[in-house]
Amino acid sequence: ELFDGLEKGQHLHDFLGLEQAIGSPWS
């Protein structure tokens, strides 16, 4: 439901971009 809501709000791409900035390898 959270992902679906974010998709409908055109916000999931940006949110996952934030998650990627935090969670992707630092090396």
PDB file of all heavy atoms in Angstrom:
ATOM      1  N   GLU A   1       0.834  -1.201   0.000  1.00  0.00           N
ATOM      2  CA  GLU A   1       0.000   0.000   0.000  1.00  0.00           C
ATOM      3  C   GLU A   1       0.869   1.253   0.000  1.00  0.00           C
ATOM      4  O   GLU A   1       0.569   2.230  -0.695  1.00  0.00           O
ATOM      5  CB  GLU A   1      -0.910  -0.029   1.229  1.00  0.00           C
ATOM      6  CG  GLU A   1      -1.870   1.146   1.314  1.00  0.00           C
ATOM      7  CD  GLU A   1      -2.749   1.083   2.557  1.00  0.00           C
ATOM      8  OE1 GLU A   1      -2.627   0.109   3.312  1.00  0.00           O
ATOM      9  OE2 GLU A   1      -3.524   2.020   2.769  1.00  0.00           O
ATOM     10  N   LEU A   2       1.951   1.209   0.772  1.00  0.00           N
ATOM     11  CA  LEU A   2       2.872   2.352   0.822  1.00  0.00           C
ATOM     12  C   LEU A   2       3.490   2.600  -0.543  1.00  0.00           C
ATOM     13  O   LEU A   2       3.492   3.730  -1.049  1.00  0.00           O
ATOM     14  CB  LEU A   2       3.966   2.088   1.856  1.00  0.00           C
ATOM     15  CG  LEU A   2       5.121   3.102   1.916  1.00  0.00           C
ATOM     16  CD1 LEU A   2       4.626   4.478   2.319  1.00  0.00           C
ATOM     17  CD2 LEU A   2       6.203   2.617   2.871  1.00  0.00           C
ATOM     18  N   PHE A   3       4.003   1.538  -1.165  1.00  0.00           N
ATOM     19  CA  PHE A   3       4.624   1.681  -2.482  1.00  0.00           C
ATOM     20  C   PHE A   3       3.605   2.136  -3.525  1.00  0.00           C
ATOM     21  O   PHE A   3       3.907   2.980  -4.373  1.00  0.00           O
ATOM     22  CB  PHE A   3       5.266   0.366  -2.910  1.00  0.00           C
ATOM     23  CG  PHE A   3       6.566   0.048  -2.202  1.00  0.00           C
ATOM     24  CD1 PHE A   3       7.252  -1.124  -2.470  1.00  0.00           C
ATOM     25  CD2 PHE A   3       7.109   0.924  -1.276  1.00  0.00           C
ATOM     26  CE1 PHE A   3       8.443  -1.416  -1.830  1.00  0.00           C
ATOM     27  CE2 PHE A   3       8.294   0.644  -0.619  1.00  0.00           C
ATOM     28  CZ  PHE A   3       8.970  -0.540  -0.899  1.00  0.00           C
ATOM     29  N   ASP A   4       2.404   1.561  -3.475  1.00  0.00           N
ATOM     30  CA  ASP A   4       1.366   1.953  -4.434  1.00  0.00           C
ATOM     31  C   ASP A   4       0.998   3.420  -4.284  1.00  0.00           C
ATOM     32  O   ASP A   4       0.844   4.153  -5.264  1.00  0.00           O
ATOM     33  CB  ASP A   4       0.110   1.089  -4.253  1.00  0.00           C
ATOM     34  CG  ASP A   4       0.314  -0.344  -4.742  1.00  0.00           C
ATOM     35  OD1 ASP A   4       1.301  -0.579  -5.461  1.00  0.00           O
ATOM     36  OD2 ASP A   4      -0.505  -1.212  -4.394  1.00  0.00           O
ATOM     37  N   GLY A   5       0.887   3.858  -3.016  1.00  0.00           N
ATOM     38  CA  GLY A   5       0.553   5.258  -2.761  1.00  0.00           C
ATOM     39  C   GLY A   5       1.634   6.192  -3.255  1.00  0.00           C
ATOM     40  O   GLY A   5       1.355   7.253  -3.826  1.00  0.00           O
ATOM     41  N   LEU A   6       2.881   5.794  -3.061  1.00  0.00           N
ATOM     42  CA  LEU A   6       3.983   6.623  -3.529  1.00  0.00           C
ATOM     43  C   LEU A   6       4.023   6.661  -5.056  1.00  0.00           C
ATOM     44  O   LEU A   6       4.319   7.695  -5.659  1.00  0.00           O
ATOM     45  CB  LEU A   6       5.307   6.081  -2.975  1.00  0.00           C
ATOM     46  CG  LEU A   6       5.529   6.274  -1.465  1.00  0.00           C
ATOM     47  CD1 LEU A   6       6.755   5.518  -1.010  1.00  0.00           C
ATOM     48  CD2 LEU A   6       5.660   7.745  -1.116  1.00  0.00           C
ATOM     49  N   GLU A   7       3.737   5.510  -5.685  1.00  0.00           N
ATOM     50  CA  GLU A   7       3.710   5.472  -7.147  1.00  0.00           C
ATOM     51  C   GLU A   7       2.657   6.421  -7.700  1.00  0.00           C
ATOM     52  O   GLU A   7       2.900   7.177  -8.639  1.00  0.00           O
ATOM     53  CB  GLU A   7       3.412   4.044  -7.629  1.00  0.00           C
ATOM     54  CG  GLU A   7       4.582   3.083  -7.467  1.00  0.00           C
ATOM     55  CD  GLU A   7       5.599   3.198  -8.576  1.00  0.00           C
ATOM     56  OE1 GLU A   7       5.554   4.188  -9.323  1.00  0.00           O
ATOM     57  OE2 GLU A   7       6.447   2.302  -8.697  1.00  0.00           O
ATOM     58  N   LYS A   8       1.475   6.388  -7.097  1.00  0.00           N
ATOM     59  CA  LYS A   8       0.385   7.246  -7.574  1.00  0.00           C
ATOM     60  C   LYS A   8       0.727   8.716  -7.397  1.00  0.00           C
ATOM     61  O   LYS A   8       0.298   9.567  -8.172  1.00  0.00           O
ATOM     62  CB  LYS A   8      -0.903   6.906  -6.842  1.00  0.00           C
ATOM     63  CG  LYS A   8      -1.471   5.532  -7.210  1.00  0.00           C
ATOM     64  CD  LYS A   8      -2.691   5.196  -6.378  1.00  0.00           C
ATOM     65  CE  LYS A   8      -3.217   3.798  -6.694  1.00  0.00           C
ATOM     66  NZ  LYS A   8      -4.357   3.412  -5.826  1.00  0.00           N
ATOM     67  N   GLY A   9       1.489   9.003  -6.357  1.00  0.00           N
ATOM     68  CA  GLY A   9       1.874  10.394  -6.112  1.00  0.00           C
ATOM     69  C   GLY A   9       3.127  10.806  -6.862  1.00  0.00           C
ATOM     70  O   GLY A   9       3.663  11.885  -6.616  1.00  0.00           O
ATOM     71  N   GLN A  10       3.620   9.930  -7.761  1.00  0.00           N
ATOM     72  CA  GLN A  10       4.815  10.248  -8.547  1.00  0.00           C
ATOM     73  C   GLN A  10       6.009  10.546  -7.646  1.00  0.00           C
ATOM     74  O   GLN A  10       6.871  11.354  -7.986  1.00  0.00           O
ATOM     75  CB  GLN A  10       4.546  11.449  -9.476  1.00  0.00           C
ATOM     76  CG  GLN A  10       3.382  11.289 -10.416  1.00  0.00           C
ATOM     77  CD  GLN A  10       3.648  10.233 -11.476  1.00  0.00           C
ATOM     78  OE1 GLN A  10       4.707  10.216 -12.075  1.00  0.00           O
ATOM     79  NE2 GLN A  10       2.691   9.345 -11.694  1.00  0.00           N
ATOM     80  N   HIS A  11       6.047   9.891  -6.458  1.00  0.00           N
ATOM     81  CA  HIS A  11       7.051  10.237  -5.467  1.00  0.00           C
ATOM     82  C   HIS A  11       8.007   9.077  -5.211  1.00  0.00           C
ATOM     83  O   HIS A  11       9.061   9.254  -4.624  1.00  0.00           O
ATOM     84  CB  HIS A  11       6.341  10.619  -4.168  1.00  0.00           C
ATOM     85  CG  HIS A  11       7.193  11.332  -3.177  1.00  0.00           C
ATOM     86  ND1 HIS A  11       8.220  12.185  -3.526  1.00  0.00           N
ATOM     87  CD2 HIS A  11       7.177  11.314  -1.819  1.00  0.00           C
ATOM     88  CE1 HIS A  11       8.780  12.664  -2.430  1.00  0.00           C
ATOM     89  NE2 HIS A  11       8.186  12.144  -1.389  1.00  0.00           N
ATOM     90  N   LEU A  12       7.638   7.867  -5.666  1.00  0.00           N
ATOM     91  CA  LEU A  12       8.442   6.697  -5.335  1.00  0.00           C
ATOM     92  C   LEU A  12       9.823   6.788  -5.961  1.00  0.00           C
ATOM     93  O   LEU A  12      10.822   6.405  -5.340  1.00  0.00           O
ATOM     94  CB  LEU A  12       7.729   5.417  -5.784  1.00  0.00           C
ATOM     95  CG  LEU A  12       8.448   4.106  -5.437  1.00  0.00           C
ATOM     96  CD1 LEU A  12       8.647   3.981  -3.939  1.00  0.00           C
ATOM     97  CD2 LEU A  12       7.673   2.910  -5.965  1.00  0.00           C
ATOM     98  N   HIS A  13       9.923   7.291  -7.184  1.00  0.00           N
ATOM     99  CA  HIS A  13      11.230   7.387  -7.854  1.00  0.00           C
ATOM    100  C   HIS A  13      12.194   8.241  -7.040  1.00  0.00           C
ATOM    101  O   HIS A  13      13.349   7.869  -6.813  1.00  0.00           O
ATOM    102  CB  HIS A  13      11.052   7.963  -9.253  1.00  0.00           C
ATOM    103  CG  HIS A  13      12.353   8.179  -9.971  1.00  0.00           C
ATOM    104  ND1 HIS A  13      13.072   7.148 -10.536  1.00  0.00           N
ATOM    105  CD2 HIS A  13      13.073   9.315 -10.196  1.00  0.00           C
ATOM    106  CE1 HIS A  13      14.176   7.632 -11.079  1.00  0.00           C
ATOM    107  NE2 HIS A  13      14.196   8.934 -10.895  1.00  0.00           N
ATOM    108  N   ASP A  14      11.708   9.403  -6.584  1.00  0.00           N
ATOM    109  CA  ASP A  14      12.567  10.277  -5.782  1.00  0.00           C
ATOM    110  C   ASP A  14      12.906   9.645  -4.448  1.00  0.00           C
ATOM    111  O   ASP A  14      14.040   9.745  -3.961  1.00  0.00           O
ATOM    112  CB  ASP A  14      11.872  11.629  -5.559  1.00  0.00           C
ATOM    113  CG  ASP A  14      11.835  12.470  -6.825  1.00  0.00           C
ATOM    114  OD1 ASP A  14      12.670  12.229  -7.715  1.00  0.00           O
ATOM    115  OD2 ASP A  14      10.961  13.347  -6.920  1.00  0.00           O
ATOM    116  N   PHE A  15      11.909   8.979  -3.842  1.00  0.00           N
ATOM    117  CA  PHE A  15      12.136   8.360  -2.535  1.00  0.00           C
ATOM    118  C   PHE A  15      13.176   7.252  -2.647  1.00  0.00           C
ATOM    119  O   PHE A  15      14.081   7.143  -1.809  1.00  0.00           O
ATOM    120  CB  PHE A  15      10.817   7.800  -1.991  1.00  0.00           C
ATOM    121  CG  PHE A  15      10.977   7.060  -0.686  1.00  0.00           C
ATOM    122  CD1 PHE A  15      11.231   7.735   0.483  1.00  0.00           C
ATOM    123  CD2 PHE A  15      10.889   5.673  -0.649  1.00  0.00           C
ATOM    124  CE1 PHE A  15      11.388   7.059   1.685  1.00  0.00           C
ATOM    125  CE2 PHE A  15      11.044   4.983   0.542  1.00  0.00           C
ATOM    126  CZ  PHE A  15      11.289   5.685   1.707  1.00  0.00           C
ATOM    127  N   LEU A  16      13.072   6.434  -3.681  1.00  0.00           N
ATOM    128  CA  LEU A  16      14.049   5.369  -3.867  1.00  0.00           C
ATOM    129  C   LEU A  16      15.411   5.941  -4.241  1.00  0.00           C
ATOM    130  O   LEU A  16      16.449   5.337  -3.951  1.00  0.00           O
ATOM    131  CB  LEU A  16      13.560   4.384  -4.931  1.00  0.00           C
ATOM    132  CG  LEU A  16      12.331   3.560  -4.532  1.00  0.00           C
ATOM    133  CD1 LEU A  16      11.927   2.628  -5.665  1.00  0.00           C
ATOM    134  CD2 LEU A  16      12.602   2.766  -3.261  1.00  0.00           C
ATOM    135  N   GLY A  17      15.428   7.119  -4.871  1.00  0.00           N
ATOM    136  CA  GLY A  17      16.697   7.782  -5.129  1.00  0.00           C
ATOM    137  C   GLY A  17      17.375   8.182  -3.823  1.00  0.00           C
ATOM    138  O   GLY A  17      18.594   8.087  -3.683  1.00  0.00           O
ATOM    139  N   LEU A  18      16.573   8.612  -2.847  1.00  0.00           N
ATOM    140  CA  LEU A  18      17.107   8.939  -1.524  1.00  0.00           C
ATOM    141  C   LEU A  18      17.620   7.679  -0.850  1.00  0.00           C
ATOM    142  O   LEU A  18      18.707   7.666  -0.264  1.00  0.00           O
ATOM    143  CB  LEU A  18      16.018   9.601  -0.677  1.00  0.00           C
ATOM    144  CG  LEU A  18      16.372   9.897   0.789  1.00  0.00           C
ATOM    145  CD1 LEU A  18      17.557  10.851   0.877  1.00  0.00           C
ATOM    146  CD2 LEU A  18      15.165  10.485   1.512  1.00  0.00           C
ATOM    147  N   GLU A  19      16.837   6.588  -0.940  1.00  0.00           N
ATOM    148  CA  GLU A  19      17.245   5.321  -0.333  1.00  0.00           C
ATOM    149  C   GLU A  19      18.533   4.819  -0.970  1.00  0.00           C
ATOM    150  O   GLU A  19      19.416   4.293  -0.304  1.00  0.00           O
ATOM    151  CB  GLU A  19      16.114   4.300  -0.495  1.00  0.00           C
ATOM    152  CG  GLU A  19      16.334   3.001   0.286  1.00  0.00           C
ATOM    153  CD  GLU A  19      17.196   2.012  -0.479  1.00  0.00           C
ATOM    154  OE1 GLU A  19      17.184   2.048  -1.721  1.00  0.00           O
ATOM    155  OE2 GLU A  19      17.904   1.220   0.152  1.00  0.00           O
ATOM    156  N   GLN A  20      18.675   5.020  -2.291  1.00  0.00           N
ATOM    157  CA  GLN A  20      19.880   4.588  -2.987  1.00  0.00           C
ATOM    158  C   GLN A  20      21.086   5.406  -2.532  1.00  0.00           C
ATOM    159  O   GLN A  20      22.188   4.875  -2.380  1.00  0.00           O
ATOM    160  CB  GLN A  20      19.694   4.722  -4.491  1.00  0.00           C
ATOM    161  CG  GLN A  20      20.897   4.236  -5.295  1.00  0.00           C
ATOM    162  CD  GLN A  20      20.690   4.373  -6.791  1.00  0.00           C
ATOM    163  OE1 GLN A  20      19.658   4.866  -7.237  1.00  0.00           O
ATOM    164  NE2 GLN A  20      21.662   3.947  -7.561  1.00  0.00           N
ATOM    165  N   ALA A  21      20.899   6.708  -2.323  1.00  0.00           N
ATOM    166  CA  ALA A  21      21.998   7.554  -1.852  1.00  0.00           C
ATOM    167  C   ALA A  21      22.505   7.089  -0.496  1.00  0.00           C
ATOM    168  O   ALA A  21      23.693   7.189  -0.188  1.00  0.00           O
ATOM    169  CB  ALA A  21      21.544   9.011  -1.773  1.00  0.00           C
ATOM    170  N   ILE A  22      21.593   6.546   0.323  1.00  0.00           N
ATOM    171  CA  ILE A  22      21.967   6.087   1.656  1.00  0.00           C
ATOM    172  C   ILE A  22      22.500   4.662   1.608  1.00  0.00           C
ATOM    173  O   ILE A  22      23.514   4.341   2.237  1.00  0.00           O
ATOM    174  CB  ILE A  22      20.750   6.160   2.610  1.00  0.00           C
ATOM    175  CG1 ILE A  22      20.298   7.618   2.771  1.00  0.00           C
ATOM    176  CG2 ILE A  22      21.077   5.546   3.963  1.00  0.00           C
ATOM    177  CD1 ILE A  22      18.971   7.770   3.493  1.00  0.00           C
ATOM    178  N   GLY A  23      21.802   3.790   0.883  1.00  0.00           N
ATOM    179  CA  GLY A  23      22.067   2.367   0.996  1.00  0.00           C
ATOM    180  C   GLY A  23      22.987   1.762  -0.026  1.00  0.00           C
ATOM    181  O   GLY A  23      23.408   0.615   0.128  1.00  0.00           O
ATOM    182  N   SER A  24      23.342   2.478  -1.091  1.00  0.00           N
ATOM    183  CA  SER A  24      24.232   1.889  -2.094  1.00  0.00           C
ATOM    184  C   SER A  24      25.656   1.838  -1.537  1.00  0.00           C
ATOM    185  O   SER A  24      26.001   2.560  -0.602  1.00  0.00           O
ATOM    186  CB  SER A  24      24.190   2.714  -3.382  1.00  0.00           C
ATOM    187  OG  SER A  24      24.605   4.040  -3.139  1.00  0.00           O
ATOM    188  N   PRO A  25      26.497   0.951  -2.100  1.00  0.00           N
ATOM    189  CA  PRO A  25      27.863   0.797  -1.574  1.00  0.00           C
ATOM    190  C   PRO A  25      28.620   2.116  -1.525  1.00  0.00           C
ATOM    191  O   PRO A  25      28.548   2.918  -2.448  1.00  0.00           O
ATOM    192  CB  PRO A  25      28.495  -0.186  -2.573  1.00  0.00           C
ATOM    193  CG  PRO A  25      27.345  -0.941  -3.138  1.00  0.00           C
ATOM    194  CD  PRO A  25      26.214   0.037  -3.211  1.00  0.00           C
ATOM    195  N   TRP A  26      29.335   2.327  -0.443  1.00  0.00           N
ATOM    196  CA  TRP A  26      30.116   3.551  -0.277  1.00  0.00           C
ATOM    197  C   TRP A  26      31.518   3.401  -0.835  1.00  0.00           C
ATOM    198  O   TRP A  26      32.314   4.330  -0.807  1.00  0.00           O
ATOM    199  CB  TRP A  26      30.173   3.940   1.208  1.00  0.00           C
ATOM    200  CG  TRP A  26      28.891   4.536   1.697  1.00  0.00           C
ATOM    201  CD1 TRP A  26      27.648   3.993   1.612  1.00  0.00           C
ATOM    202  CD2 TRP A  26      28.725   5.799   2.335  1.00  0.00           C
ATOM    203  NE1 TRP A  26      26.714   4.828   2.161  1.00  0.00           N
ATOM    204  CE2 TRP A  26      27.345   5.958   2.625  1.00  0.00           C
ATOM    205  CE3 TRP A  26      29.598   6.811   2.712  1.00  0.00           C
ATOM    206  CZ2 TRP A  26      26.837   7.079   3.256  1.00  0.00           C
ATOM    207  CZ3 TRP A  26      29.088   7.932   3.351  1.00  0.00           C
ATOM    208  CH2 TRP A  26      27.711   8.059   3.612  1.00  0.00           C
ATOM    209  N   SER A  27      31.851   2.231  -1.301  1.00  0.00           N
ATOM    210  CA  SER A  27      33.156   1.988  -1.886  1.00  0.00           C
ATOM    211  C   SER A  27      32.980   1.606  -3.350  1.00  0.00           C
ATOM    212  O   SER A  27      32.021   0.920  -3.711  1.00  0.00           O
ATOM    213  CB  SER A  27      33.875   0.850  -1.140  1.00  0.00           C
ATOM    214  OG  SER A  27      35.045   0.458  -1.829  1.00  0.00           O
TER     215      SER A  27
END
